[in-house]
Amino acid sequence: MRFLLLFLIPLAAFSQIENQSQKFDSIYYHIAINVSSANPVKAIHLADSLSLYAANKQQKIKSLMLIADILAKQEKRGEAIIKALSVLEIVKEAKEYVLLARNYGFLATQYRMIGFLDKGKSFLNEGIKVSRLFSDKKQVVNYIAMCNQELAEFALVEKDYKKMIEYLQLAMLTFEKEENLQAKYFVMANAEEMLGRSYLFLGDVDQAISHFSKANFFINDAGAGNTIWASLIYQSLGNAFLESKNLDSAGVYLKKSLSVAKDSNHGSLKQRVFRSVSEYYYQVKEIDSFTIYNSKYNTQLAKNTAEKRLMINTAYNSLNERPEEK
């Protein structure tokens, strides 16, 4: 999916949780990780409520950024970009540098996802510049780690898998030190899944399975075993087992992935899962099931292709409406 995860990790994941905002952060995390995956419409309403009842400007901004994030999870990237660009002006005026840098990171991800690589990298560079203004040096380190993970995503698009591994290993040096265990397990799960994919592209199936297996443990330890992120990990693990001809294990994980993906609104995840499931049924010679899921894959592929064109047009139009960004 990357999907993404795709985007940079959830905005609350690396924040320093202060006593007076623990309840807000707990609700925020629940909406961002669990509700947005299972019920994005409900997640939007909850994020709107968070915005209305925000206790301060920082919480207000976080809530607005969460709405953009939920839109992105539904693959409404044009709307997500427009929302994030509007929030950008609010954050600049408030001089909330941590949130400003994260918003730049979010925009970098969205532009990468629709193929605007240079624009995406320019937003990432802006975020790195802003991070130098953070008063808390630990937050600087955490932000650079998130940027390294995002740079790994760019390396994936550019098919530079060795560079992808280097960026991920740098990011994980910081992720491993995260004190908030739920956040730590979540970001480590996503990093391990990406490492697995990089090794799979390099033809090292055993290493890929090892990293996907670690991702599987981490995502469940994070309490996110029924989310779209978990579905991606199960699909990746099942796909690696297909490569190694371990069909029994492949079937277990691909069916777990399908059980989450089929009820989601994430088109690119469905496309990946339908393709892997159809390949599984082809290899086990269940031709009727292969035909069903191959048809689902082709239908989803056509739908995603049309929607991506629309997303690109929306993103382009959003730039034209902002001459300073053009």
Protein backbone atom coordinates (compact mmCIF):
# COMPACT_ATOMS: atom_id res chain seq x y z
CA MET A 1 0.00 0.00 0.00
CA ARG A 2 2.08 2.91 0.25
CA PHE A 3 -0.02 3.40 0.45
CA LEU A 4 1.17 3.72 2.55
CA LEU A 5 1.64 3.73 4.41
CA LEU A 6 2.61 5.10 3.29
CA PHE A 7 2.69 8.56 3.97
CA LEU A 8 5.00 9.52 6.83
CA ILE A 9 4.11 7.79 10.08
CA PRO A 10 1.07 9.09 12.01
CA LEU A 11 1.51 12.61 13.27
CA ALA A 12 1.10 11.65 16.94
CA ALA A 13 3.56 8.81 16.90
CA PHE A 14 6.67 10.72 17.91
CA SER A 15 5.18 13.58 19.89
CA GLN A 16 6.21 14.11 23.48
CA ILE A 17 3.07 13.22 25.41
CA GLU A 18 2.44 15.74 28.11
CA ASN A 19 0.13 14.98 31.02
CA GLN A 20 -2.48 17.56 30.05
CA SER A 21 -2.78 16.23 26.50
CA GLN A 22 -2.66 12.46 27.11
CA LYS A 23 -6.38 12.02 26.50
CA PHE A 24 -6.24 13.97 23.25
CA ASP A 25 -3.21 12.00 22.03
CA SER A 26 -4.83 8.69 22.95
CA ILE A 27 -8.00 9.54 21.00
CA TYR A 28 -5.91 10.89 18.14
CA TYR A 29 -3.88 7.66 17.87
CA HIS A 30 -7.03 5.52 18.02
CA ILE A 31 -8.65 7.50 15.19
CA ALA A 32 -5.49 7.64 13.07
CA ILE A 33 -4.58 3.95 13.35
CA ASN A 34 -7.73 1.96 14.05
CA VAL A 35 -10.87 3.92 13.11
CA SER A 36 -9.49 5.41 9.87
CA SER A 37 -8.65 1.91 8.67
CA ALA A 38 -11.97 0.29 9.56
CA ASN A 39 -14.41 3.18 9.06
CA PRO A 40 -12.99 6.27 7.32
CA VAL A 41 -16.34 8.10 7.25
CA LYS A 42 -16.64 7.78 11.02
CA ALA A 43 -12.97 8.77 11.36
CA ILE A 44 -13.63 12.04 9.49
CA HIS A 45 -16.51 12.87 11.84
CA LEU A 46 -14.37 12.09 14.90
CA ALA A 47 -11.51 14.20 13.57
CA ASP A 48 -13.95 17.07 13.00
CA SER A 49 -15.08 16.70 16.62
CA LEU A 50 -11.48 16.75 17.81
CA SER A 51 -11.03 19.99 15.88
CA LEU A 52 -14.14 21.57 17.43
CA TYR A 53 -13.17 20.64 20.98
CA ALA A 54 -9.43 21.27 20.67
CA ALA A 55 -8.06 22.86 23.84
CA ASN A 56 -5.38 24.89 22.06
CA LYS A 57 -4.07 25.87 18.64
CA GLN A 58 -1.68 22.94 18.48
CA GLN A 59 -4.50 20.42 18.98
CA LYS A 60 -6.61 22.29 16.42
CA ILE A 61 -3.84 22.01 13.82
CA LYS A 62 -3.26 18.33 14.61
CA SER A 63 -6.97 17.65 14.11
CA LEU A 64 -6.99 19.38 10.72
CA MET A 65 -3.89 17.45 9.66
CA LEU A 66 -5.59 14.25 10.78
CA ILE A 67 -8.48 14.98 8.40
CA ALA A 68 -5.98 15.30 5.53
CA ASP A 69 -4.40 12.03 6.61
CA ILE A 70 -7.75 10.21 6.63
CA LEU A 71 -8.53 11.55 3.14
CA ALA A 72 -5.18 10.18 1.97
CA LYS A 73 -5.97 6.77 3.46
CA GLN A 74 -9.10 6.73 1.28
CA GLU A 75 -6.81 7.59 -1.64
CA LYS A 76 -8.52 10.95 -2.07
CA ARG A 77 -5.08 12.44 -2.51
CA GLY A 78 -6.19 15.50 -4.41
CA GLU A 79 -8.49 16.47 -1.52
CA ALA A 80 -5.79 15.54 1.00
CA ILE A 81 -3.24 17.77 -0.72
CA ILE A 82 -5.65 20.72 -0.87
CA LYS A 83 -6.45 20.26 2.84
CA ALA A 84 -2.77 20.01 3.79
CA LEU A 85 -1.86 23.09 1.74
CA SER A 86 -4.58 25.10 3.51
CA VAL A 87 -3.33 23.87 6.91
CA LEU A 88 0.20 24.85 5.88
CA GLU A 89 -0.71 28.53 5.98
CA ILE A 90 -2.27 28.17 9.46
CA VAL A 91 0.80 26.38 10.82
CA LYS A 92 3.20 28.94 9.36
CA GLU A 93 1.26 31.76 11.00
CA ALA A 94 1.20 29.91 14.35
CA LYS A 95 4.97 29.23 14.10
CA GLU A 96 4.39 25.65 15.25
CA TYR A 97 7.59 24.37 13.69
CA VAL A 98 7.21 20.68 14.61
CA LEU A 99 3.75 20.52 13.05
CA LEU A 100 4.91 22.59 10.07
CA ALA A 101 7.72 20.11 9.37
CA ARG A 102 5.34 17.18 9.68
CA ASN A 103 2.91 18.80 7.29
CA TYR A 104 5.74 19.21 4.78
CA GLY A 105 6.51 15.52 5.26
CA PHE A 106 2.89 14.59 4.67
CA LEU A 107 2.80 16.64 1.46
CA ALA A 108 6.05 15.01 0.32
CA THR A 109 4.40 11.62 0.68
CA GLN A 110 1.23 12.60 -1.18
CA TYR A 111 3.12 14.06 -4.14
CA ARG A 112 5.34 10.97 -4.29
CA MET A 113 2.25 8.77 -4.33
CA ILE A 114 0.88 10.49 -7.43
CA GLY A 115 4.25 10.54 -9.18
CA PHE A 116 5.36 14.16 -8.61
CA LEU A 117 8.77 13.07 -7.27
CA ASP A 118 10.62 16.37 -7.60
CA LYS A 119 7.80 18.27 -5.90
CA GLY A 120 7.67 15.66 -3.16
CA LYS A 121 11.40 15.90 -2.50
CA SER A 122 11.20 19.69 -2.39
CA PHE A 123 8.60 19.49 0.39
CA LEU A 124 10.79 17.02 2.26
CA ASN A 125 13.73 19.41 2.01
CA GLU A 126 11.54 22.22 3.37
CA GLY A 127 10.65 20.02 6.31
CA ILE A 128 14.30 19.29 7.05
CA LYS A 129 15.06 23.03 7.01
CA VAL A 130 12.23 23.74 9.44
CA SER A 131 13.37 20.93 11.77
CA ARG A 132 16.49 23.00 12.56
CA LEU A 133 14.17 25.39 14.41
CA PHE A 134 12.90 22.71 16.82
CA SER A 135 13.69 23.57 20.45
CA ASP A 136 13.80 19.88 21.42
CA LYS A 137 16.80 18.18 19.79
CA LYS A 138 15.26 14.73 20.27
CA GLN A 139 12.39 15.80 18.03
CA VAL A 140 14.93 16.82 15.39
CA VAL A 141 16.44 13.32 15.48
CA ASN A 142 12.99 11.72 15.29
CA TYR A 143 11.98 13.90 12.36
CA ILE A 144 15.14 13.10 10.41
CA ALA A 145 14.42 9.40 11.02
CA MET A 146 10.95 9.85 9.50
CA CYS A 147 12.52 11.67 6.56
CA ASN A 148 14.94 8.78 6.04
CA GLN A 149 11.99 6.40 5.88
CA GLU A 150 10.31 8.66 3.35
CA LEU A 151 13.54 8.84 1.32
CA ALA A 152 13.48 5.04 1.32
CA GLU A 153 10.06 5.30 -0.33
CA PHE A 154 11.52 7.55 -3.04
CA ALA A 155 14.36 5.06 -3.52
CA LEU A 156 11.73 2.31 -3.94
CA VAL A 157 9.99 4.28 -6.70
CA GLU A 158 13.39 4.81 -8.36
CA LYS A 159 14.19 1.07 -7.95
CA ASP A 160 17.38 1.78 -6.00
CA TYR A 161 16.82 -1.02 -3.48
CA LYS A 162 20.28 -0.89 -1.87
CA LYS A 163 19.84 2.83 -1.16
CA MET A 164 16.37 2.00 0.17
CA ILE A 165 17.92 -0.41 2.70
CA GLU A 166 20.48 2.21 3.77
CA TYR A 167 17.80 4.82 4.47
CA LEU A 168 15.67 2.32 6.41
CA GLN A 169 18.58 1.16 8.55
CA LEU A 170 19.35 4.79 9.43
CA ALA A 171 15.70 5.41 10.36
CA MET A 172 15.50 2.28 12.49
CA LEU A 173 18.47 3.33 14.63
CA THR A 174 16.15 6.05 15.96
CA PHE A 175 12.92 4.05 15.90
CA GLU A 176 14.44 1.38 18.16
CA LYS A 177 15.01 3.99 20.88
CA GLU A 178 11.40 5.24 20.97
CA GLU A 179 10.10 5.05 24.54
CA ASN A 180 6.39 4.91 23.64
CA LEU A 181 6.09 1.18 22.95
CA GLN A 182 2.89 1.38 20.91
CA ALA A 183 4.44 3.98 18.61
CA LYS A 184 7.74 2.08 18.49
CA TYR A 185 6.11 -1.18 17.43
CA PHE A 186 4.02 0.58 14.78
CA VAL A 187 6.90 2.37 13.06
CA MET A 188 9.18 -0.67 13.36
CA ALA A 189 6.48 -2.80 11.71
CA ASN A 190 6.32 -0.47 8.72
CA ALA A 191 10.11 -0.22 8.45
CA GLU A 192 10.53 -4.01 8.63
CA GLU A 193 7.86 -4.47 5.93
CA MET A 194 9.74 -2.07 3.67
CA LEU A 195 13.02 -3.87 4.35
CA GLY A 196 11.34 -7.13 3.42
CA ARG A 197 10.15 -5.68 0.11
CA SER A 198 13.61 -4.34 -0.70
CA TYR A 199 15.19 -7.76 -0.16
CA LEU A 200 12.43 -9.41 -2.18
CA PHE A 201 13.19 -7.08 -5.09
CA LEU A 202 16.88 -8.00 -4.73
CA GLY A 203 15.97 -11.67 -4.98
CA ASP A 204 16.80 -12.63 -1.37
CA VAL A 205 13.57 -14.41 -0.41
CA ASP A 206 14.85 -15.76 2.93
CA GLN A 207 15.84 -12.27 4.15
CA ALA A 208 12.53 -10.91 2.93
CA ILE A 209 10.55 -13.51 4.90
CA SER A 210 12.63 -12.76 8.00
CA HIS A 211 11.82 -9.04 7.84
CA PHE A 212 8.15 -9.56 6.96
CA SER A 213 7.85 -11.93 9.95
CA LYS A 214 9.30 -9.26 12.27
CA ALA A 215 6.84 -6.75 10.81
CA ASN A 216 4.01 -9.19 11.56
CA PHE A 217 5.00 -9.41 15.24
CA PHE A 218 5.46 -5.65 15.57
CA ILE A 219 2.13 -4.66 13.99
CA ASN A 220 0.23 -7.00 16.30
CA ASP A 221 2.20 -5.78 19.35
CA ALA A 222 1.16 -2.26 18.31
CA GLY A 223 -2.49 -3.30 18.61
CA ALA A 224 -3.02 -2.73 14.88
CA GLY A 225 -3.42 -6.32 13.68
CA ASN A 226 -6.71 -5.62 11.89
CA THR A 227 -5.70 -2.46 10.04
CA ILE A 228 -4.75 -1.74 6.44
CA TRP A 229 -1.08 -1.66 7.54
CA ALA A 230 -1.42 -5.19 8.90
CA SER A 231 -3.12 -6.28 5.68
CA LEU A 232 -0.13 -5.01 3.69
CA ILE A 233 2.26 -6.93 5.93
CA TYR A 234 0.22 -10.15 5.65
CA GLN A 235 0.11 -9.71 1.86
CA SER A 236 3.86 -9.14 1.68
CA LEU A 237 4.56 -12.19 3.85
CA GLY A 238 2.14 -14.32 1.85
CA ASN A 239 3.71 -13.13 -1.40
CA ALA A 240 7.20 -14.06 -0.14
CA PHE A 241 5.95 -17.54 0.77
CA LEU A 242 4.54 -17.83 -2.76
CA GLU A 243 8.00 -17.02 -4.09
CA SER A 244 9.51 -19.79 -1.94
CA LYS A 245 6.72 -22.22 -2.96
CA ASN A 246 5.54 -22.59 0.64
CA LEU A 247 1.91 -22.60 -0.44
CA ASP A 248 0.37 -23.55 2.93
CA SER A 249 1.90 -20.55 4.70
CA ALA A 250 1.17 -18.31 1.71
CA GLY A 251 -2.50 -19.23 1.91
CA VAL A 252 -2.72 -18.47 5.63
CA TYR A 253 -1.32 -14.94 5.34
CA LEU A 254 -2.98 -14.01 2.06
CA LYS A 255 -6.39 -14.96 3.44
CA LYS A 256 -5.68 -12.86 6.56
CA SER A 257 -4.74 -9.96 4.31
CA LEU A 258 -7.86 -10.40 2.19
CA SER A 259 -10.15 -10.40 5.24
CA VAL A 260 -9.02 -6.84 6.05
CA ALA A 261 -8.47 -5.45 2.55
CA LYS A 262 -11.83 -6.46 1.05
CA ASP A 263 -13.73 -4.21 3.48
CA SER A 264 -11.35 -1.26 3.20
CA ASN A 265 -11.57 1.78 0.94
CA HIS A 266 -7.93 1.48 -0.07
CA GLY A 267 -7.83 0.69 -3.77
CA SER A 268 -4.10 0.09 -4.17
CA LEU A 269 -4.10 -2.34 -1.24
CA LYS A 270 -7.01 -4.25 -2.78
CA GLN A 271 -5.19 -4.36 -6.10
CA ARG A 272 -2.10 -5.89 -4.51
CA VAL A 273 -4.05 -8.38 -2.42
CA PHE A 274 -6.34 -9.51 -5.26
CA ARG A 275 -3.29 -10.08 -7.47
CA SER A 276 -1.47 -12.17 -4.83
CA VAL A 277 -4.59 -14.15 -3.91
CA SER A 278 -5.29 -14.93 -7.58
CA GLU A 279 -1.67 -16.09 -7.99
CA TYR A 280 -2.03 -18.29 -4.90
CA TYR A 281 -5.16 -19.97 -6.27
CA TYR A 282 -3.43 -20.42 -9.64
CA GLN A 283 -0.50 -22.19 -7.96
CA VAL A 284 -2.75 -24.49 -5.91
CA LYS A 285 -4.75 -25.18 -9.09
CA GLU A 286 -8.11 -23.89 -7.79
CA ILE A 287 -9.07 -22.43 -11.14
CA ASP A 288 -12.56 -21.17 -10.21
CA SER A 289 -11.15 -19.11 -7.32
CA PHE A 290 -8.27 -17.95 -9.52
CA THR A 291 -10.76 -16.70 -12.13
CA ILE A 292 -12.78 -14.81 -9.49
CA TYR A 293 -9.82 -13.00 -7.94
CA ASN A 294 -8.04 -12.39 -11.24
CA SER A 295 -11.23 -10.65 -12.40
CA LYS A 296 -11.35 -8.64 -9.15
CA TYR A 297 -7.71 -7.66 -9.69
CA ASN A 298 -8.28 -6.47 -13.27
CA THR A 299 -11.40 -4.52 -12.26
CA GLN A 300 -9.55 -2.86 -9.36
CA LEU A 301 -6.55 -2.09 -11.57
CA ALA A 302 -8.76 -0.29 -14.09
CA LYS A 303 -10.53 1.63 -11.33
CA ASN A 304 -7.25 2.64 -9.68
CA THR A 305 -5.78 3.80 -12.99
CA ALA A 306 -8.78 6.06 -13.65
CA GLU A 307 -8.75 7.41 -10.09
CA LYS A 308 -5.02 8.12 -10.26
CA ARG A 309 -5.53 10.26 -13.35
CA LEU A 310 -8.20 12.20 -11.45
CA MET A 311 -5.93 12.57 -8.41
CA ILE A 312 -3.11 13.92 -10.55
CA ASN A 313 -5.44 16.43 -12.20
CA THR A 314 -6.75 17.55 -8.80
CA ALA A 315 -3.24 17.95 -7.42
CA TYR A 316 -2.17 19.91 -10.51
CA ASN A 317 -5.20 22.18 -10.22
CA SER A 318 -4.51 22.75 -6.52
CA LEU A 319 -1.04 24.03 -7.48
CA ASN A 320 -2.46 26.31 -10.14
CA GLU A 321 -4.76 27.83 -7.53
CA ARG A 322 -1.65 28.72 -5.46
CA PRO A 323 0.77 30.67 -7.68
CA GLU A 324 3.37 30.76 -4.90
CA GLU A 325 3.51 26.95 -4.95
CA LYS A 326 3.42 26.55 -8.73
